[in-house]
Protein backbone atom coordinates (compact mmCIF):
# COMPACT_ATOMS: atom_id res chain seq x y z
CA UNK A 1 114.57 125.93 98.95
CA UNK A 2 118.20 125.58 97.09
CA UNK A 3 118.02 124.32 93.64
CA UNK A 4 120.88 121.40 93.19
CA UNK A 5 122.55 121.37 89.83
CA UNK A 6 123.14 117.63 87.54
CA UNK A 7 126.61 117.73 89.27
CA UNK A 8 125.27 117.80 92.90
CA UNK A 9 122.73 114.65 92.11
CA UNK A 10 125.76 112.72 90.78
CA UNK A 11 127.43 113.77 93.60
CA UNK A 12 124.87 112.60 95.48
CA UNK A 13 124.93 109.29 93.88
CA UNK A 14 128.74 108.85 94.01
CA UNK A 15 128.90 109.65 97.64
CA UNK A 16 125.87 107.18 98.67
CA UNK A 17 127.80 105.41 101.05
CA UNK A 18 130.44 108.58 102.46
CA UNK A 19 130.88 109.64 106.25
CA UNK A 20 128.27 112.67 106.37
CA UNK A 21 129.76 114.02 109.41
CA UNK A 22 133.07 114.45 107.57
CA UNK A 23 131.32 115.96 104.62
CA UNK A 24 128.98 118.64 106.17
CA UNK A 25 132.34 119.55 108.66
CA UNK A 26 134.49 119.87 104.46
CA UNK A 27 131.32 121.91 103.20
CA UNK A 28 130.10 123.52 106.00
CA UNK A 29 128.15 126.92 104.97
CA UNK A 30 127.65 125.73 101.59
CA UNK A 31 123.64 125.39 101.14
CA UNK A 32 123.62 123.51 98.23
CA UNK A 33 126.57 121.27 99.75
CA UNK A 34 124.16 120.72 103.06
CA UNK A 35 121.21 120.28 101.51
CA UNK A 36 122.70 117.58 99.40
CA UNK A 37 124.70 116.05 101.73
CA UNK A 38 120.83 115.73 103.70
CA UNK A 39 119.79 113.64 100.86
CA UNK A 40 122.24 111.19 100.93
CA UNK A 41 121.42 111.08 104.81
CA UNK A 42 117.55 110.54 104.19
CA UNK A 43 118.26 107.97 101.31
CA UNK A 44 119.88 105.82 103.85
CA UNK A 45 117.26 106.17 106.29
CA UNK A 46 114.26 105.41 103.70
CA UNK A 47 115.97 103.12 101.09
CA UNK A 48 113.61 99.97 102.60
CA UNK A 49 110.23 101.91 103.07
CA UNK A 50 110.93 103.80 99.94
CA UNK A 51 112.46 101.48 97.32
CA UNK A 52 110.14 102.23 94.50
CA UNK A 53 110.27 105.68 95.19
CA UNK A 54 113.88 106.63 95.34
CA UNK A 55 114.46 104.72 92.06
CA UNK A 56 113.77 108.59 90.83
CA UNK A 57 117.59 110.08 91.03
CA UNK A 58 116.43 113.45 91.32
CA UNK A 59 113.81 113.18 94.19
CA UNK A 60 114.93 115.27 97.12
CA UNK A 61 113.85 116.18 100.85
CA UNK A 62 112.89 119.40 102.21
CA UNK A 63 114.71 118.19 105.70
CA UNK A 64 115.45 114.99 107.90
CA UNK A 65 112.12 115.62 109.60
CA UNK A 66 110.54 114.24 105.83
CA UNK A 67 112.31 110.84 106.01
CA UNK A 68 111.63 109.80 109.36
CA UNK A 69 107.86 110.86 109.55
CA UNK A 70 107.47 109.76 105.44
CA UNK A 71 104.83 106.87 104.51
CA UNK A 72 106.09 103.76 103.38
CA UNK A 73 105.35 103.20 99.39
CA UNK A 74 103.51 99.22 100.56
CA UNK A 75 101.38 101.73 102.88
CA UNK A 76 100.56 104.43 100.35
CA UNK A 77 100.03 101.92 97.38
CA UNK A 78 97.75 100.35 100.57
CA UNK A 79 95.90 103.85 101.02
CA UNK A 80 95.60 104.75 97.17
CA UNK A 81 93.94 101.75 97.10
CA UNK A 82 90.98 103.42 98.93
CA UNK A 83 89.83 105.76 96.93
CA UNK A 84 88.13 105.18 93.99
CA UNK A 85 89.50 105.64 90.11
CA UNK A 86 89.33 108.69 88.56
CA UNK A 87 88.57 110.50 91.61
CA UNK A 88 89.41 113.45 92.27
CA UNK A 89 91.29 113.96 95.71
CA UNK A 90 92.36 116.47 98.72
CA UNK A 91 94.99 115.87 100.64
CA UNK A 92 95.14 117.86 103.41
CA UNK A 93 98.93 116.98 105.16
CA UNK A 94 100.70 116.09 102.12
CA UNK A 95 104.35 115.88 103.70
CA UNK A 96 107.04 114.52 101.46
CA UNK A 97 103.76 113.49 99.61
CA UNK A 98 104.17 110.01 99.18
CA UNK A 99 100.45 108.98 99.56
CA UNK A 100 99.41 112.08 97.10
CA UNK A 101 101.47 110.65 94.14
CA UNK A 102 100.55 107.23 94.87
CA UNK A 103 96.91 107.98 95.07
CA UNK A 104 97.64 110.15 91.63
CA UNK A 105 98.39 107.23 89.84
CA UNK A 106 94.80 106.52 90.36
CA UNK A 107 93.00 109.42 90.77
CA UNK A 108 92.06 111.88 88.30
CA UNK A 109 93.70 114.42 90.00
CA UNK A 110 95.09 115.34 93.47
CA UNK A 111 95.22 118.77 95.21
CA UNK A 112 98.06 118.51 97.72
CA UNK A 113 98.39 121.09 100.91
CA UNK A 114 101.41 121.54 102.99
CA UNK A 115 102.09 124.54 105.65
CA UNK A 116 105.72 124.75 105.62
CA UNK A 117 107.32 126.20 102.01
CA UNK A 118 109.82 124.32 102.55
CA UNK A 119 107.79 120.97 102.05
CA UNK A 120 105.09 122.37 99.62
CA UNK A 121 108.41 123.50 97.78
CA UNK A 122 109.83 120.40 97.51
CA UNK A 123 106.30 118.36 97.00
CA UNK A 124 105.83 120.42 93.56
CA UNK A 125 109.47 119.81 92.49
CA UNK A 126 109.05 115.88 93.39
CA UNK A 127 105.74 115.53 91.47
CA UNK A 128 107.70 116.98 88.40
CA UNK A 129 110.63 114.93 89.09
CA UNK A 130 108.73 111.56 89.01
CA UNK A 131 106.95 112.31 86.03
CA UNK A 132 102.93 112.94 87.88
CA UNK A 133 101.24 116.30 86.13
CA UNK A 134 97.63 115.51 87.87
CA UNK A 135 99.07 116.92 91.01
CA UNK A 136 98.38 120.67 92.50
CA UNK A 137 100.17 121.71 95.46
CA UNK A 138 99.69 124.56 98.19
CA UNK A 139 101.47 126.24 100.75
CA UNK A 140 98.49 126.70 103.27
CA UNK A 141 96.51 125.91 106.53
CA UNK A 142 94.16 123.56 105.54
CA UNK A 143 91.94 124.08 108.23
CA UNK A 144 91.54 127.84 107.08
CA UNK A 145 91.63 126.61 103.49
CA UNK A 146 89.08 123.70 103.65
CA UNK A 147 87.17 126.34 105.20
CA UNK A 148 87.00 128.51 102.33
CA UNK A 149 87.20 126.79 99.41
CA UNK A 150 84.07 126.19 97.20
CA UNK A 151 85.60 123.45 95.33
CA UNK A 152 84.53 119.85 95.98
CA UNK A 153 85.88 116.73 95.98
CA UNK A 154 85.30 113.20 95.88
CA UNK A 155 87.54 111.80 98.94
CA UNK A 156 89.82 113.62 101.47
CA UNK A 157 93.02 112.24 102.54
CA UNK A 158 94.41 113.74 106.13
CA UNK A 159 97.30 112.30 108.25
CA UNK A 160 97.46 114.49 111.15
CA UNK A 161 100.43 115.20 113.59
CA UNK A 162 100.55 113.45 116.38
CA UNK A 163 102.69 116.00 118.56
CA UNK A 164 101.37 118.93 120.81
CA UNK A 165 102.57 122.11 120.70
CA UNK A 166 104.99 121.28 123.60
CA UNK A 167 106.38 118.34 121.25
CA UNK A 168 104.64 115.73 123.30
CA UNK A 169 102.79 112.17 121.47
CA UNK A 170 99.45 112.90 121.22
CA UNK A 171 97.19 110.16 120.42
CA UNK A 172 93.05 110.89 120.58
CA UNK A 173 92.21 112.64 117.21
CA UNK A 174 91.03 115.75 118.94
CA UNK A 175 94.16 116.41 119.80
CA UNK A 176 96.18 116.06 116.76
CA UNK A 177 96.93 118.72 114.26
CA UNK A 178 94.74 119.47 112.77
CA UNK A 179 91.57 118.27 114.80
CA UNK A 180 90.25 115.88 112.49
CA UNK A 181 86.85 115.61 114.71
CA UNK A 182 86.48 119.31 114.97
CA UNK A 183 86.84 119.03 111.13
CA UNK A 184 84.47 116.82 110.28
CA UNK A 185 81.41 119.39 109.24
CA UNK A 186 83.52 121.19 107.30
CA UNK A 187 84.97 118.01 105.21
CA UNK A 188 81.24 117.17 105.03
CA UNK A 189 80.60 119.54 102.98
CA UNK A 190 83.03 119.67 100.34
CA UNK A 191 83.23 115.81 99.63
CA UNK A 192 81.69 112.29 99.91
CA UNK A 193 84.57 111.00 101.83
CA UNK A 194 87.54 110.82 104.05
CA UNK A 195 89.94 108.75 104.98
CA UNK A 196 91.71 109.69 108.09
CA UNK A 197 95.16 108.16 108.92
CA UNK A 198 95.87 107.80 112.87
CA UNK A 199 97.76 106.22 115.62
CA UNK A 200 97.50 102.12 115.92
CA UNK A 201 97.45 103.01 119.63
CA UNK A 202 93.52 104.61 119.51
CA UNK A 203 90.96 101.65 120.82
CA UNK A 204 88.40 101.12 117.50
CA UNK A 205 84.91 101.37 118.86
CA UNK A 206 85.82 104.31 120.57
CA UNK A 207 87.13 106.03 117.06
CA UNK A 208 84.09 104.77 115.13
CA UNK A 209 82.05 106.87 117.83
CA UNK A 210 84.00 109.68 117.85
CA UNK A 211 83.89 109.97 113.75
CA UNK A 212 80.61 108.50 112.86
CA UNK A 213 79.69 107.50 109.63
CA UNK A 214 82.49 104.98 109.01
CA UNK A 215 82.35 102.72 106.78
CA UNK A 216 85.32 100.83 107.15
CA UNK A 217 88.25 100.77 109.47
CA UNK A 218 91.74 99.42 108.62
CA UNK A 219 94.69 97.86 111.09
CA UNK A 220 97.40 97.66 108.66
CA UNK A 221 101.03 96.40 109.87
CA UNK A 222 103.67 94.07 109.53
CA UNK A 223 104.59 90.77 111.37
CA UNK A 224 106.06 92.65 114.16
CA UNK A 225 104.51 95.55 114.41
CA UNK A 226 100.40 97.42 114.28
CA UNK A 227 101.75 100.36 112.20
CA UNK A 228 98.70 102.79 111.84
CA UNK A 229 94.39 102.91 112.12
CA UNK A 230 92.88 104.39 109.00
CA UNK A 231 88.83 105.09 109.19
CA UNK A 232 87.24 105.61 106.27
CA UNK A 233 84.18 107.65 105.96
CA UNK A 234 80.76 108.06 104.00
CA UNK A 235 79.52 111.15 105.11
CA UNK A 236 75.89 109.90 103.68
CA UNK A 237 76.53 107.16 105.71
CA UNK A 238 73.86 106.79 109.02
CA UNK A 239 75.71 107.86 112.20
CA UNK A 240 74.67 104.39 114.10
CA UNK A 241 76.15 102.44 110.83
CA UNK A 242 78.40 99.05 111.59
CA UNK A 243 82.04 99.57 110.22
CA UNK A 244 83.73 96.11 108.49
CA UNK A 245 87.16 96.25 110.46
CA UNK A 246 89.68 94.82 108.36
CA UNK A 247 92.89 93.47 110.44
CA UNK A 248 95.48 94.14 107.34
CA UNK A 249 99.09 92.54 107.78
CA UNK A 250 100.96 93.42 104.36
CA UNK A 251 101.48 90.10 102.21
CA UNK A 252 99.38 88.16 104.74
CA UNK A 253 95.97 87.17 104.12
CA UNK A 254 93.34 89.85 105.84
CA UNK A 255 90.66 89.00 108.53
CA UNK A 256 87.84 91.09 107.98
CA UNK A 257 84.86 90.79 110.18
CA UNK A 258 82.20 93.25 111.47
CA UNK A 259 81.60 93.28 115.68
CA UNK A 260 78.16 92.05 115.42
CA UNK A 261 79.95 88.86 113.72
CA UNK A 262 82.64 88.68 116.33
CA UNK A 263 80.19 89.20 119.37
CA UNK A 264 77.84 86.11 117.74
CA UNK A 265 81.10 83.67 117.27
CA UNK A 266 81.35 81.46 119.58
CA UNK A 267 84.81 79.02 119.85
CA UNK A 268 85.49 77.01 123.09
CA UNK A 269 89.08 76.59 124.43
CA UNK A 270 91.17 73.64 123.93
CA UNK A 271 94.26 72.44 126.72
CA UNK A 272 97.54 72.73 125.06
CA UNK A 273 99.72 69.61 124.40
CA UNK A 274 103.36 68.61 123.11
CA UNK A 275 103.19 68.23 119.56
CA UNK A 276 100.37 70.52 118.64
CA UNK A 277 100.17 74.38 116.77
CA UNK A 278 99.73 76.92 118.48
CA UNK A 279 98.87 80.43 116.06
CA UNK A 280 99.95 84.30 117.55
CA UNK A 281 98.28 86.50 115.41
CA UNK A 282 99.80 89.38 113.77
CA UNK A 283 99.75 92.76 115.94
CA UNK A 284 97.40 93.97 113.47
CA UNK A 285 94.46 90.87 113.99
CA UNK A 286 94.83 91.17 117.79
CA UNK A 287 94.27 95.21 118.07
CA UNK A 288 91.18 95.07 115.78
CA UNK A 289 89.42 92.43 118.16
CA UNK A 290 89.53 89.72 115.51
CA UNK A 291 89.06 86.50 118.81
CA UNK A 292 86.53 83.87 118.12
CA UNK A 293 86.01 85.09 114.85
CA UNK A 294 89.95 84.31 113.94
CA UNK A 295 89.65 80.96 115.87
CA UNK A 296 86.46 80.60 113.74
CA UNK A 297 87.56 81.39 109.68
CA UNK A 298 90.91 79.24 110.48
CA UNK A 299 89.45 76.59 112.23
CA UNK A 300 91.53 76.84 115.51
CA UNK A 301 90.40 76.37 119.12
CA UNK A 302 91.89 79.15 121.55
CA UNK A 303 94.09 78.57 124.95
CA UNK A 304 91.52 80.77 127.09
CA UNK A 305 89.12 82.88 125.93
CA UNK A 306 90.89 86.34 126.97
CA UNK A 307 95.13 84.86 126.06
CA UNK A 308 94.56 85.19 122.42
CA UNK A 309 96.85 82.25 121.46
CA UNK A 310 95.51 79.63 119.36
CA UNK A 311 95.65 75.63 118.93
CA UNK A 312 95.92 73.28 116.21
CA UNK A 313 96.77 69.70 115.12
CA UNK A 314 98.34 71.26 111.58
CA UNK A 315 100.39 73.98 110.05
CA UNK A 316 98.42 76.28 107.74
CA UNK A 317 100.58 78.93 106.34
CA UNK A 318 97.54 81.13 105.46
CA UNK A 319 97.13 81.63 108.86
CA UNK A 320 98.01 85.42 109.36
CA UNK A 321 100.37 84.55 112.83
CA UNK A 322 103.33 83.53 113.99
CA UNK A 323 103.49 79.86 113.75
CA UNK A 324 105.30 77.34 116.46
CA UNK A 325 105.46 73.92 117.45
CA UNK A 326 104.89 72.94 121.63
CA UNK A 327 108.25 71.23 122.58
CA UNK A 328 106.75 71.09 126.29
CA UNK A 329 103.00 71.90 127.74
CA UNK A 330 104.05 72.15 131.58
CA UNK A 331 101.99 73.77 134.35
CA UNK A 332 103.51 76.70 136.15
CA UNK A 333 104.79 74.78 139.43
CA UNK A 334 107.49 73.84 141.56
CA UNK A 335 107.33 70.34 139.18
CA UNK A 336 106.93 72.22 136.34
CA UNK A 337 109.65 74.27 136.82
CA UNK A 338 112.21 71.90 137.98
CA UNK A 339 111.45 69.83 134.16
CA UNK A 340 113.07 73.12 132.71
CA UNK A 341 116.05 73.19 134.75
CA UNK A 342 118.29 72.31 131.89
CA UNK A 343 116.84 75.26 129.57
CA UNK A 344 119.18 78.29 129.90
CA UNK A 345 117.89 80.38 127.08
CA UNK A 346 115.11 81.56 125.67
CA UNK A 347 112.54 84.40 124.28
CA UNK A 348 110.31 84.77 127.27
CA UNK A 349 106.65 86.17 126.57
CA UNK A 350 103.43 86.01 128.75
CA UNK A 351 99.85 86.26 128.01
CA UNK A 352 97.56 86.58 130.25
CA UNK A 353 99.68 85.30 133.22
CA UNK A 354 100.12 85.63 136.77
CA UNK A 355 103.58 87.25 136.69
CA UNK A 356 105.89 89.44 133.66
CA UNK A 357 108.22 87.89 131.81
CA UNK A 358 110.94 89.28 133.04
CA UNK A 359 109.79 87.85 136.20
CA UNK A 360 109.41 84.70 134.50
CA UNK A 361 112.74 84.64 133.43
CA UNK A 362 114.23 85.31 136.48
CA UNK A 363 112.41 82.52 137.82
CA UNK A 364 113.78 80.55 135.36
CA UNK A 365 117.63 81.43 135.45
CA UNK A 366 116.65 82.14 131.43
CA UNK A 367 119.32 84.58 129.33
CA UNK A 368 117.03 86.44 126.82
CA UNK A 369 117.95 84.72 122.85
CA UNK A 370 118.55 82.11 120.71
CA UNK A 371 115.60 79.71 118.81
CA UNK A 372 113.38 78.78 121.49
CA UNK A 373 110.25 80.65 122.94
CA UNK A 374 108.79 80.18 126.06
CA UNK A 375 105.31 81.36 126.92
CA UNK A 376 103.58 82.05 130.59
CA UNK A 377 99.94 81.69 129.66
CA UNK A 378 96.28 81.30 131.28
CA UNK A 379 95.00 78.25 129.79
CA UNK A 380 91.39 76.59 129.40
CA UNK A 381 90.68 75.64 132.94
CA UNK A 382 91.69 78.97 134.35
CA UNK A 383 95.34 77.64 135.40
CA UNK A 384 98.67 78.56 134.13
CA UNK A 385 101.38 76.85 132.18
CA UNK A 386 104.36 76.95 130.44
CA UNK A 387 104.43 76.52 126.88
CA UNK A 388 108.06 75.65 125.26
CA UNK A 389 107.90 76.61 121.11
CA UNK A 390 109.76 76.15 118.34
CA UNK A 391 109.21 78.46 115.47
CA UNK A 392 107.77 77.12 112.30
CA UNK A 393 107.59 78.68 109.08
CA UNK A 394 105.08 81.23 109.24
CA UNK A 395 106.83 83.89 110.88
CA UNK A 396 108.67 86.20 108.17
């Protein structure tokens, strides 16, 4: 990788708002300046998700892809919280190294591996720039390295690539690179625990069955998106161990439960009415399967056992959910549609409903947007209703 001079780092800072297309035309053929322009582009792309890391002015991105695929500082900090203080960690797929850097601040040592020489070189540079001295960076095929090493670790961290050989997106762990499921025996031979970061599209129950020895599963996300499924494996556990499941929404309370608790919890649906408060669980909660347990924990009533929206008479900002006031609760019928006749604009969604959201908008002649929300839902008595909602303060 090209080394950047002190003057070039100052140039990057001075041109952080420049037109990079024009800069590339001007400096075409100059490797140092082309890498410098890449830094400007990458810093723009990651200014929010890597706000802490980018306080280091000499942090270096090897390419644009590394910026796009990088873990955010907030998620990396959460991953680091899953390792034991003072432990030894092997990161088998370090990439840009954000997870490894955060783990290194908690661990005794981190060994970070990447197959790409350019990426591994940037990883070494960045460890020095960040003042982190307990990271060893290796450029190697981590699958082969694990098979041959005699070293032992407390924890292995792995974030396998979710692209196939032709660039297509894959979701099953066995289809990722490296194949985590196939690697489990080798990983168990050199470590006590493993932390596996995977796609949020994976089914929780299937993942637990596929991996075995799962201590905990974390569904991690924001109020708008479930970003990942992370499984923590303890190789000393029996294969049939029932893990705890954690629905984590960054900045909000975590819902922790077991599938046995969810199955044993019974809650009764309630019909919605004007003036009530409706809660829509954050995506990580919904993905986790915390349905009855969610209602029970927060003293809420489901609209229906399969609609996964919940009712209360009061606002509770401690609930990890979007919160709305019900302005109208109308049957999905000609009369109900007539009563909404003056409504011209709303954000339309459906949950366990008879038609799609676009079809409902078309039937009501609604434009998308504005402050109001309209939910088409199936309710407690197995009929369909339309709920006109106004967002409350719990939605950030």
